[in-house]
Amino acid sequence: MRCLRDAMTKTMSAIILSAVLSLVILAGCGGQGGPAPQDAPPPPPPVEKIKIDSLDELPSHSYPLTGTVSELLDDPAGMEALKTAYTADI
């Protein structure tokens, strides 16, 4: 009978120790957060879109080029001038 009691005591001790360790680990993980997160600012209101029904309602832009497109691709200064012109219209 004494062997049975000793075995039960060891088993219960192991169960209690496991439960206590689990609680300590869980308590350590849950309570160590940083400061409470602040509410994010509200998103900006949506921009009102303009309805376009035809291509005639879009602005027209043209960019004068000298030479061929192949020559323009080989000319860094010409490409920079074209980029500056169309970037201003965006």
PDB file of N, CA and C in Angstrom:
ATOM      1  N   MET A   1       0.814  -1.190   0.000  1.00  0.00           N
ATOM      2  CA  MET A   1       0.000   0.000   0.000  1.00  0.00           C
ATOM      3  C   MET A   1       0.865   1.264   0.000  1.00  0.00           C
ATOM      4  N   ARG A   2       1.958   1.158   0.726  1.00  0.00           N
ATOM      5  CA  ARG A   2       2.838   2.307   0.810  1.00  0.00           C
ATOM      6  C   ARG A   2       3.442   2.633  -0.565  1.00  0.00           C
ATOM      7  N   CYS A   3       3.767   1.632  -1.372  1.00  0.00           N
ATOM      8  CA  CYS A   3       4.315   1.848  -2.715  1.00  0.00           C
ATOM      9  C   CYS A   3       3.304   2.571  -3.599  1.00  0.00           C
ATOM     10  N   LEU A   4       2.047   2.162  -3.471  1.00  0.00           N
ATOM     11  CA  LEU A   4       0.997   2.802  -4.259  1.00  0.00           C
ATOM     12  C   LEU A   4       0.855   4.269  -3.869  1.00  0.00           C
ATOM     13  N   ARG A   5       0.898   4.537  -2.561  1.00  0.00           N
ATOM     14  CA  ARG A   5       0.771   5.912  -2.079  1.00  0.00           C
ATOM     15  C   ARG A   5       1.966   6.740  -2.553  1.00  0.00           C
ATOM     16  N   ASP A   6       3.164   6.196  -2.504  1.00  0.00           N
ATOM     17  CA  ASP A   6       4.346   6.922  -2.966  1.00  0.00           C
ATOM     18  C   ASP A   6       4.261   7.222  -4.467  1.00  0.00           C
ATOM     19  N   ALA A   7       3.791   6.262  -5.248  1.00  0.00           N
ATOM     20  CA  ALA A   7       3.648   6.460  -6.689  1.00  0.00           C
ATOM     21  C   ALA A   7       2.615   7.532  -6.985  1.00  0.00           C
ATOM     22  N   MET A   8       1.494   7.501  -6.257  1.00  0.00           N
ATOM     23  CA  MET A   8       0.446   8.513  -6.460  1.00  0.00           C
ATOM     24  C   MET A   8       0.946   9.890  -6.050  1.00  0.00           C
ATOM     25  N   THR A   9       1.715   9.963  -4.974  1.00  0.00           N
ATOM     26  CA  THR A   9       2.246  11.240  -4.506  1.00  0.00           C
ATOM     27  C   THR A   9       3.208  11.818  -5.542  1.00  0.00           C
ATOM     28  N   LYS A  10       4.068  10.981  -6.103  1.00  0.00           N
ATOM     29  CA  LYS A  10       5.008  11.453  -7.125  1.00  0.00           C
ATOM     30  C   LYS A  10       4.267  11.912  -8.379  1.00  0.00           C
ATOM     31  N   THR A  11       3.236  11.160  -8.758  1.00  0.00           N
ATOM     32  CA  THR A  11       2.456  11.530  -9.937  1.00  0.00           C
ATOM     33  C   THR A  11       1.741  12.855  -9.714  1.00  0.00           C
ATOM     34  N   MET A  12       1.112  13.000  -8.554  1.00  0.00           N
ATOM     35  CA  MET A  12       0.397  14.255  -8.247  1.00  0.00           C
ATOM     36  C   MET A  12       1.374  15.424  -8.165  1.00  0.00           C
ATOM     37  N   SER A  13       2.547  15.178  -7.590  1.00  0.00           N
ATOM     38  CA  SER A  13       3.555  16.239  -7.499  1.00  0.00           C
ATOM     39  C   SER A  13       3.999  16.674  -8.895  1.00  0.00           C
ATOM     40  N   ALA A  14       4.173  15.709  -9.788  1.00  0.00           N
ATOM     41  CA  ALA A  14       4.578  16.031 -11.158  1.00  0.00           C
ATOM     42  C   ALA A  14       3.492  16.816 -11.877  1.00  0.00           C
ATOM     43  N   ILE A  15       2.232  16.441 -11.671  1.00  0.00           N
ATOM     44  CA  ILE A  15       1.116  17.150 -12.308  1.00  0.00           C
ATOM     45  C   ILE A  15       1.028  18.578 -11.785  1.00  0.00           C
ATOM     46  N   ILE A  16       1.139  18.732 -10.472  1.00  0.00           N
ATOM     47  CA  ILE A  16       1.049  20.072  -9.869  1.00  0.00           C
ATOM     48  C   ILE A  16       2.223  20.929 -10.340  1.00  0.00           C
ATOM     49  N   LEU A  17       3.428  20.345 -10.366  1.00  0.00           N
ATOM     50  CA  LEU A  17       4.598  21.088 -10.823  1.00  0.00           C
ATOM     51  C   LEU A  17       4.436  21.517 -12.280  1.00  0.00           C
ATOM     52  N   SER A  18       3.923  20.637 -13.120  1.00  0.00           N
ATOM     53  CA  SER A  18       3.685  20.982 -14.527  1.00  0.00           C
ATOM     54  C   SER A  18       2.674  22.111 -14.653  1.00  0.00           C
ATOM     55  N   ALA A  19       1.607  22.052 -13.865  1.00  0.00           N
ATOM     56  CA  ALA A  19       0.583  23.093 -13.921  1.00  0.00           C
ATOM     57  C   ALA A  19       1.147  24.437 -13.470  1.00  0.00           C
ATOM     58  N   VAL A  20       1.922  24.431 -12.383  1.00  0.00           N
ATOM     59  CA  VAL A  20       2.495  25.680 -11.871  1.00  0.00           C
ATOM     60  C   VAL A  20       3.483  26.262 -12.890  1.00  0.00           C
ATOM     61  N   LEU A  21       4.332  25.421 -13.472  1.00  0.00           N
ATOM     62  CA  LEU A  21       5.272  25.915 -14.476  1.00  0.00           C
ATOM     63  C   LEU A  21       4.546  26.475 -15.694  1.00  0.00           C
ATOM     64  N   SER A  22       3.484  25.818 -16.113  1.00  0.00           N
ATOM     65  CA  SER A  22       2.707  26.321 -17.250  1.00  0.00           C
ATOM     66  C   SER A  22       2.121  27.687 -16.951  1.00  0.00           C
ATOM     67  N   LEU A  23       1.586  27.858 -15.752  1.00  0.00           N
ATOM     68  CA  LEU A  23       1.015  29.161 -15.377  1.00  0.00           C
ATOM     69  C   LEU A  23       2.079  30.244 -15.319  1.00  0.00           C
ATOM     70  N   VAL A  24       3.252  29.910 -14.786  1.00  0.00           N
ATOM     71  CA  VAL A  24       4.332  30.895 -14.707  1.00  0.00           C
ATOM     72  C   VAL A  24       4.779  31.310 -16.107  1.00  0.00           C
ATOM     73  N   ILE A  25       4.907  30.338 -16.997  1.00  0.00           N
ATOM     74  CA  ILE A  25       5.325  30.653 -18.367  1.00  0.00           C
ATOM     75  C   ILE A  25       4.277  31.508 -19.066  1.00  0.00           C
ATOM     76  N   LEU A  26       3.013  31.140 -18.934  1.00  0.00           N
ATOM     77  CA  LEU A  26       1.951  31.915 -19.582  1.00  0.00           C
ATOM     78  C   LEU A  26       1.846  33.317 -19.002  1.00  0.00           C
ATOM     79  N   ALA A  27       1.990  33.441 -17.695  1.00  0.00           N
ATOM     80  CA  ALA A  27       1.905  34.761 -17.071  1.00  0.00           C
ATOM     81  C   ALA A  27       3.075  35.627 -17.516  1.00  0.00           C
ATOM     82  N   GLY A  28       4.242  35.029 -17.680  1.00  0.00           N
ATOM     83  CA  GLY A  28       5.409  35.781 -18.121  1.00  0.00           C
ATOM     84  C   GLY A  28       5.281  36.263 -19.549  1.00  0.00           C
ATOM     85  N   CYS A  29       4.632  35.507 -20.394  1.00  0.00           N
ATOM     86  CA  CYS A  29       4.485  35.890 -21.800  1.00  0.00           C
ATOM     87  C   CYS A  29       3.414  36.956 -21.991  1.00  0.00           C
ATOM     88  N   GLY A  30       2.362  36.888 -21.227  1.00  0.00           N
ATOM     89  CA  GLY A  30       1.226  37.770 -21.464  1.00  0.00           C
ATOM     90  C   GLY A  30       1.357  39.153 -20.879  1.00  0.00           C
ATOM     91  N   GLY A  31       2.084  39.332 -19.817  1.00  0.00           N
ATOM     92  CA  GLY A  31       2.083  40.617 -19.135  1.00  0.00           C
ATOM     93  C   GLY A  31       3.244  41.516 -19.465  1.00  0.00           C
ATOM     94  N   GLN A  32       4.057  41.206 -20.450  1.00  0.00           N
ATOM     95  CA  GLN A  32       5.260  41.981 -20.695  1.00  0.00           C
ATOM     96  C   GLN A  32       5.184  42.800 -21.969  1.00  0.00           C
ATOM     97  N   GLY A  33       4.020  43.179 -22.394  1.00  0.00           N
ATOM     98  CA  GLY A  33       3.887  43.955 -23.620  1.00  0.00           C
ATOM     99  C   GLY A  33       4.366  45.377 -23.427  1.00  0.00           C
ATOM    100  N   GLY A  34       4.556  46.069 -24.503  1.00  0.00           N
ATOM    101  CA  GLY A  34       4.970  47.460 -24.454  1.00  0.00           C
ATOM    102  C   GLY A  34       3.780  48.346 -24.121  1.00  0.00           C
ATOM    103  N   PRO A  35       3.918  49.631 -24.394  1.00  0.00           N
ATOM    104  CA  PRO A  35       2.795  50.530 -24.122  1.00  0.00           C
ATOM    105  C   PRO A  35       1.586  50.164 -24.981  1.00  0.00           C
ATOM    106  N   ALA A  36       0.442  50.496 -24.472  1.00  0.00           N
ATOM    107  CA  ALA A  36      -0.795  50.184 -25.191  1.00  0.00           C
ATOM    108  C   ALA A  36      -0.792  50.888 -26.547  1.00  0.00           C
ATOM    109  N   PRO A  37      -1.199  50.191 -27.604  1.00  0.00           N
ATOM    110  CA  PRO A  37      -1.208  50.831 -28.925  1.00  0.00           C
ATOM    111  C   PRO A  37      -2.199  51.985 -28.966  1.00  0.00           C
ATOM    112  N   GLN A  38      -1.766  53.063 -29.595  1.00  0.00           N
ATOM    113  CA  GLN A  38      -2.648  54.221 -29.719  1.00  0.00           C
ATOM    114  C   GLN A  38      -3.538  54.039 -30.933  1.00  0.00           C
ATOM    115  N   ASP A  39      -4.667  54.683 -30.891  1.00  0.00           N
ATOM    116  CA  ASP A  39      -5.583  54.597 -32.023  1.00  0.00           C
ATOM    117  C   ASP A  39      -4.937  55.247 -33.240  1.00  0.00           C
ATOM    118  N   ALA A  40      -5.064  54.587 -34.366  1.00  0.00           N
ATOM    119  CA  ALA A  40      -4.517  55.128 -35.608  1.00  0.00           C
ATOM    120  C   ALA A  40      -5.359  56.322 -36.045  1.00  0.00           C
ATOM    121  N   PRO A  41      -4.722  57.311 -36.670  1.00  0.00           N
ATOM    122  CA  PRO A  41      -5.508  58.456 -37.143  1.00  0.00           C
ATOM    123  C   PRO A  41      -6.482  57.993 -38.223  1.00  0.00           C
ATOM    124  N   PRO A  42      -7.606  58.661 -38.330  1.00  0.00           N
ATOM    125  CA  PRO A  42      -8.587  58.244 -39.346  1.00  0.00           C
ATOM    126  C   PRO A  42      -8.021  58.448 -40.747  1.00  0.00           C
ATOM    127  N   PRO A  43      -8.420  57.603 -41.683  1.00  0.00           N
ATOM    128  CA  PRO A  43      -7.916  57.756 -43.050  1.00  0.00           C
ATOM    129  C   PRO A  43      -8.447  59.041 -43.674  1.00  0.00           C
ATOM    130  N   PRO A  44      -7.688  59.597 -44.617  1.00  0.00           N
ATOM    131  CA  PRO A  44      -8.166  60.831 -45.258  1.00  0.00           C
ATOM    132  C   PRO A  44      -9.434  60.546 -46.057  1.00  0.00           C
ATOM    133  N   PRO A  45     -10.279  61.552 -46.216  1.00  0.00           N
ATOM    134  CA  PRO A  45     -11.506  61.336 -46.987  1.00  0.00           C
ATOM    135  C   PRO A  45     -11.164  61.016 -48.439  1.00  0.00           C
ATOM    136  N   PRO A  46     -11.985  60.215 -49.085  1.00  0.00           N
ATOM    137  CA  PRO A  46     -11.685  59.864 -50.477  1.00  0.00           C
ATOM    138  C   PRO A  46     -11.746  61.091 -51.385  1.00  0.00           C
ATOM    139  N   VAL A  47     -10.855  61.094 -52.360  1.00  0.00           N
ATOM    140  CA  VAL A  47     -10.803  62.194 -53.321  1.00  0.00           C
ATOM    141  C   VAL A  47     -11.953  62.020 -54.307  1.00  0.00           C
ATOM    142  N   GLU A  48     -12.655  63.117 -54.552  1.00  0.00           N
ATOM    143  CA  GLU A  48     -13.772  63.051 -55.495  1.00  0.00           C
ATOM    144  C   GLU A  48     -13.223  62.909 -56.908  1.00  0.00           C
ATOM    145  N   LYS A  49     -13.657  61.865 -57.596  1.00  0.00           N
ATOM    146  CA  LYS A  49     -13.168  61.604 -58.948  1.00  0.00           C
ATOM    147  C   LYS A  49     -14.025  62.348 -59.968  1.00  0.00           C
ATOM    148  N   ILE A  50     -13.360  62.790 -61.018  1.00  0.00           N
ATOM    149  CA  ILE A  50     -14.054  63.462 -62.114  1.00  0.00           C
ATOM    150  C   ILE A  50     -14.416  62.404 -63.143  1.00  0.00           C
ATOM    151  N   LYS A  51     -15.656  62.374 -63.548  1.00  0.00           N
ATOM    152  CA  LYS A  51     -16.096  61.395 -64.534  1.00  0.00           C
ATOM    153  C   LYS A  51     -15.694  61.874 -65.926  1.00  0.00           C
ATOM    154  N   ILE A  52     -15.018  61.007 -66.666  1.00  0.00           N
ATOM    155  CA  ILE A  52     -14.601  61.284 -68.038  1.00  0.00           C
ATOM    156  C   ILE A  52     -15.416  60.383 -68.951  1.00  0.00           C
ATOM    157  N   ASP A  53     -16.124  60.989 -69.892  1.00  0.00           N
ATOM    158  CA  ASP A  53     -16.956  60.213 -70.817  1.00  0.00           C
ATOM    159  C   ASP A  53     -16.302  60.009 -72.176  1.00  0.00           C
ATOM    160  N   SER A  54     -15.374  60.885 -72.559  1.00  0.00           N
ATOM    161  CA  SER A  54     -14.736  60.731 -73.871  1.00  0.00           C
ATOM    162  C   SER A  54     -13.297  61.236 -73.798  1.00  0.00           C
ATOM    163  N   LEU A  55     -12.506  60.863 -74.786  1.00  0.00           N
ATOM    164  CA  LEU A  55     -11.110  61.293 -74.838  1.00  0.00           C
ATOM    165  C   LEU A  55     -10.974  62.801 -75.013  1.00  0.00           C
ATOM    166  N   ASP A  56     -11.987  63.435 -75.568  1.00  0.00           N
ATOM    167  CA  ASP A  56     -11.936  64.886 -75.772  1.00  0.00           C
ATOM    168  C   ASP A  56     -11.899  65.645 -74.449  1.00  0.00           C
ATOM    169  N   GLU A  57     -12.331  65.027 -73.371  1.00  0.00           N
ATOM    170  CA  GLU A  57     -12.340  65.686 -72.067  1.00  0.00           C
ATOM    171  C   GLU A  57     -10.977  65.635 -71.376  1.00  0.00           C
ATOM    172  N   LEU A  58     -10.063  64.825 -71.893  1.00  0.00           N
ATOM    173  CA  LEU A  58      -8.729  64.731 -71.305  1.00  0.00           C
ATOM    174  C   LEU A  58      -7.834  65.830 -71.853  1.00  0.00           C
ATOM    175  N   PRO A  59      -6.853  66.300 -71.054  1.00  0.00           N
ATOM    176  CA  PRO A  59      -5.933  67.325 -71.559  1.00  0.00           C
ATOM    177  C   PRO A  59      -5.032  66.738 -72.646  1.00  0.00           C
ATOM    178  N   SER A  60      -4.687  67.572 -73.591  1.00  0.00           N
ATOM    179  CA  SER A  60      -3.830  67.149 -74.697  1.00  0.00           C
ATOM    180  C   SER A  60      -2.424  67.696 -74.469  1.00  0.00           C
ATOM    181  N   HIS A  61      -1.431  66.839 -74.585  1.00  0.00           N
ATOM    182  CA  HIS A  61      -0.036  67.247 -74.423  1.00  0.00           C
ATOM    183  C   HIS A  61       0.748  66.756 -75.631  1.00  0.00           C
ATOM    184  N   SER A  62       1.667  67.569 -76.082  1.00  0.00           N
ATOM    185  CA  SER A  62       2.558  67.136 -77.161  1.00  0.00           C
ATOM    186  C   SER A  62       3.975  67.578 -76.804  1.00  0.00           C
ATOM    187  N   TYR A  63       4.935  66.807 -77.257  1.00  0.00           N
ATOM    188  CA  TYR A  63       6.332  67.064 -76.940  1.00  0.00           C
ATOM    189  C   TYR A  63       7.127  67.033 -78.233  1.00  0.00           C
ATOM    190  N   PRO A  64       7.684  68.171 -78.636  1.00  0.00           N
ATOM    191  CA  PRO A  64       8.429  68.211 -79.907  1.00  0.00           C
ATOM    192  C   PRO A  64       9.722  67.400 -79.803  1.00  0.00           C
ATOM    193  N   LEU A  65       9.988  66.617 -80.834  1.00  0.00           N
ATOM    194  CA  LEU A  65      11.203  65.813 -80.902  1.00  0.00           C
ATOM    195  C   LEU A  65      11.938  66.139 -82.192  1.00  0.00           C
ATOM    196  N   THR A  66      13.253  66.095 -82.138  1.00  0.00           N
ATOM    197  CA  THR A  66      14.047  66.247 -83.357  1.00  0.00           C
ATOM    198  C   THR A  66      14.753  64.921 -83.607  1.00  0.00           C
ATOM    199  N   GLY A  67      14.774  64.492 -84.826  1.00  0.00           N
ATOM    200  CA  GLY A  67      15.409  63.223 -85.160  1.00  0.00           C
ATOM    201  C   GLY A  67      14.442  62.065 -84.981  1.00  0.00           C
ATOM    202  N   THR A  68      15.004  60.876 -85.016  1.00  0.00           N
ATOM    203  CA  THR A  68      14.177  59.670 -84.882  1.00  0.00           C
ATOM    204  C   THR A  68      14.145  59.214 -83.426  1.00  0.00           C
ATOM    205  N   VAL A  69      13.249  58.299 -83.155  1.00  0.00           N
ATOM    206  CA  VAL A  69      13.147  57.754 -81.797  1.00  0.00           C
ATOM    207  C   VAL A  69      14.427  57.012 -81.432  1.00  0.00           C
ATOM    208  N   SER A  70      15.012  56.303 -82.379  1.00  0.00           N
ATOM    209  CA  SER A  70      16.272  55.585 -82.123  1.00  0.00           C
ATOM    210  C   SER A  70      17.380  56.556 -81.726  1.00  0.00           C
ATOM    211  N   GLU A  71      17.439  57.706 -82.402  1.00  0.00           N
ATOM    212  CA  GLU A  71      18.444  58.711 -82.051  1.00  0.00           C
ATOM    213  C   GLU A  71      18.174  59.281 -80.660  1.00  0.00           C
ATOM    214  N   LEU A  72      16.906  59.461 -80.325  1.00  0.00           N
ATOM    215  CA  LEU A  72      16.553  59.980 -79.005  1.00  0.00           C
ATOM    216  C   LEU A  72      16.974  59.001 -77.911  1.00  0.00           C
ATOM    217  N   LEU A  73      16.811  57.700 -78.154  1.00  0.00           N
ATOM    218  CA  LEU A  73      17.195  56.696 -77.165  1.00  0.00           C
ATOM    219  C   LEU A  73      18.701  56.683 -76.921  1.00  0.00           C
ATOM    220  N   ASP A  74      19.477  57.067 -77.915  1.00  0.00           N
ATOM    221  CA  ASP A  74      20.937  57.101 -77.774  1.00  0.00           C
ATOM    222  C   ASP A  74      21.444  58.437 -77.246  1.00  0.00           C
ATOM    223  N   ASP A  75      20.563  59.413 -77.048  1.00  0.00           N
ATOM    224  CA  ASP A  75      20.960  60.756 -76.614  1.00  0.00           C
ATOM    225  C   ASP A  75      20.477  60.997 -75.178  1.00  0.00           C
ATOM    226  N   PRO A  76      21.359  60.877 -74.167  1.00  0.00           N
ATOM    227  CA  PRO A  76      20.932  61.076 -72.776  1.00  0.00           C
ATOM    228  C   PRO A  76      20.382  62.477 -72.507  1.00  0.00           C
ATOM    229  N   ALA A  77      20.951  63.500 -73.123  1.00  0.00           N
ATOM    230  CA  ALA A  77      20.463  64.865 -72.903  1.00  0.00           C
ATOM    231  C   ALA A  77      19.065  65.038 -73.490  1.00  0.00           C
ATOM    232  N   GLY A  78      18.825  64.444 -74.656  1.00  0.00           N
ATOM    233  CA  GLY A  78      17.496  64.518 -75.264  1.00  0.00           C
ATOM    234  C   GLY A  78      16.457  63.779 -74.431  1.00  0.00           C
ATOM    235  N   MET A  79      16.831  62.614 -73.894  1.00  0.00           N
ATOM    236  CA  MET A  79      15.903  61.860 -73.037  1.00  0.00           C
ATOM    237  C   MET A  79      15.592  62.638 -71.759  1.00  0.00           C
ATOM    238  N   GLU A  80      16.599  63.303 -71.206  1.00  0.00           N
ATOM    239  CA  GLU A  80      16.385  64.090 -69.989  1.00  0.00           C
ATOM    240  C   GLU A  80      15.440  65.256 -70.263  1.00  0.00           C
ATOM    241  N   ALA A  81      15.584  65.909 -71.407  1.00  0.00           N
ATOM    242  CA  ALA A  81      14.692  67.013 -71.765  1.00  0.00           C
ATOM    243  C   ALA A  81      13.257  66.519 -71.935  1.00  0.00           C
ATOM    244  N   LEU A  82      13.094  65.358 -72.587  1.00  0.00           N
ATOM    245  CA  LEU A  82      11.756  64.785 -72.761  1.00  0.00           C
ATOM    246  C   LEU A  82      11.152  64.412 -71.406  1.00  0.00           C
ATOM    247  N   LYS A  83      11.957  63.814 -70.543  1.00  0.00           N
ATOM    248  CA  LYS A  83      11.473  63.427 -69.216  1.00  0.00           C
ATOM    249  C   LYS A  83      11.036  64.654 -68.414  1.00  0.00           C
ATOM    250  N   THR A  84      11.820  65.714 -68.478  1.00  0.00           N
ATOM    251  CA  THR A  84      11.472  66.941 -67.763  1.00  0.00           C
ATOM    252  C   THR A  84      10.157  67.511 -68.279  1.00  0.00           C
ATOM    253  N   ALA A  85       9.956  67.473 -69.590  1.00  0.00           N
ATOM    254  CA  ALA A  85       8.739  68.035 -70.184  1.00  0.00           C
ATOM    255  C   ALA A  85       7.500  67.233 -69.787  1.00  0.00           C
ATOM    256  N   TYR A  86       7.573  65.902 -69.890  1.00  0.00           N
ATOM    257  CA  TYR A  86       6.355  65.145 -69.579  1.00  0.00           C
ATOM    258  C   TYR A  86       6.128  65.019 -68.083  1.00  0.00           C
ATOM    259  N   THR A  87       7.195  65.081 -67.272  1.00  0.00           N
ATOM    260  CA  THR A  87       7.010  65.041 -65.820  1.00  0.00           C
ATOM    261  C   THR A  87       6.281  66.289 -65.336  1.00  0.00           C
ATOM    262  N   ALA A  88       6.511  67.405 -65.981  1.00  0.00           N
ATOM    263  CA  ALA A  88       5.830  68.644 -65.599  1.00  0.00           C
ATOM    264  C   ALA A  88       4.327  68.549 -65.840  1.00  0.00           C
ATOM    265  N   ASP A  89       3.909  67.699 -66.781  1.00  0.00           N
ATOM    266  CA  ASP A  89       2.482  67.572 -67.096  1.00  0.00           C
ATOM    267  C   ASP A  89       1.766  66.514 -66.252  1.00  0.00           C
ATOM    268  N   ILE A  90       2.504  65.763 -65.489  1.00  0.00           N
ATOM    269  CA  ILE A  90       1.864  64.700 -64.691  1.00  0.00           C
ATOM    270  C   ILE A  90       1.260  65.288 -63.439  1.00  0.00           C
TER     271      ILE A  90
END
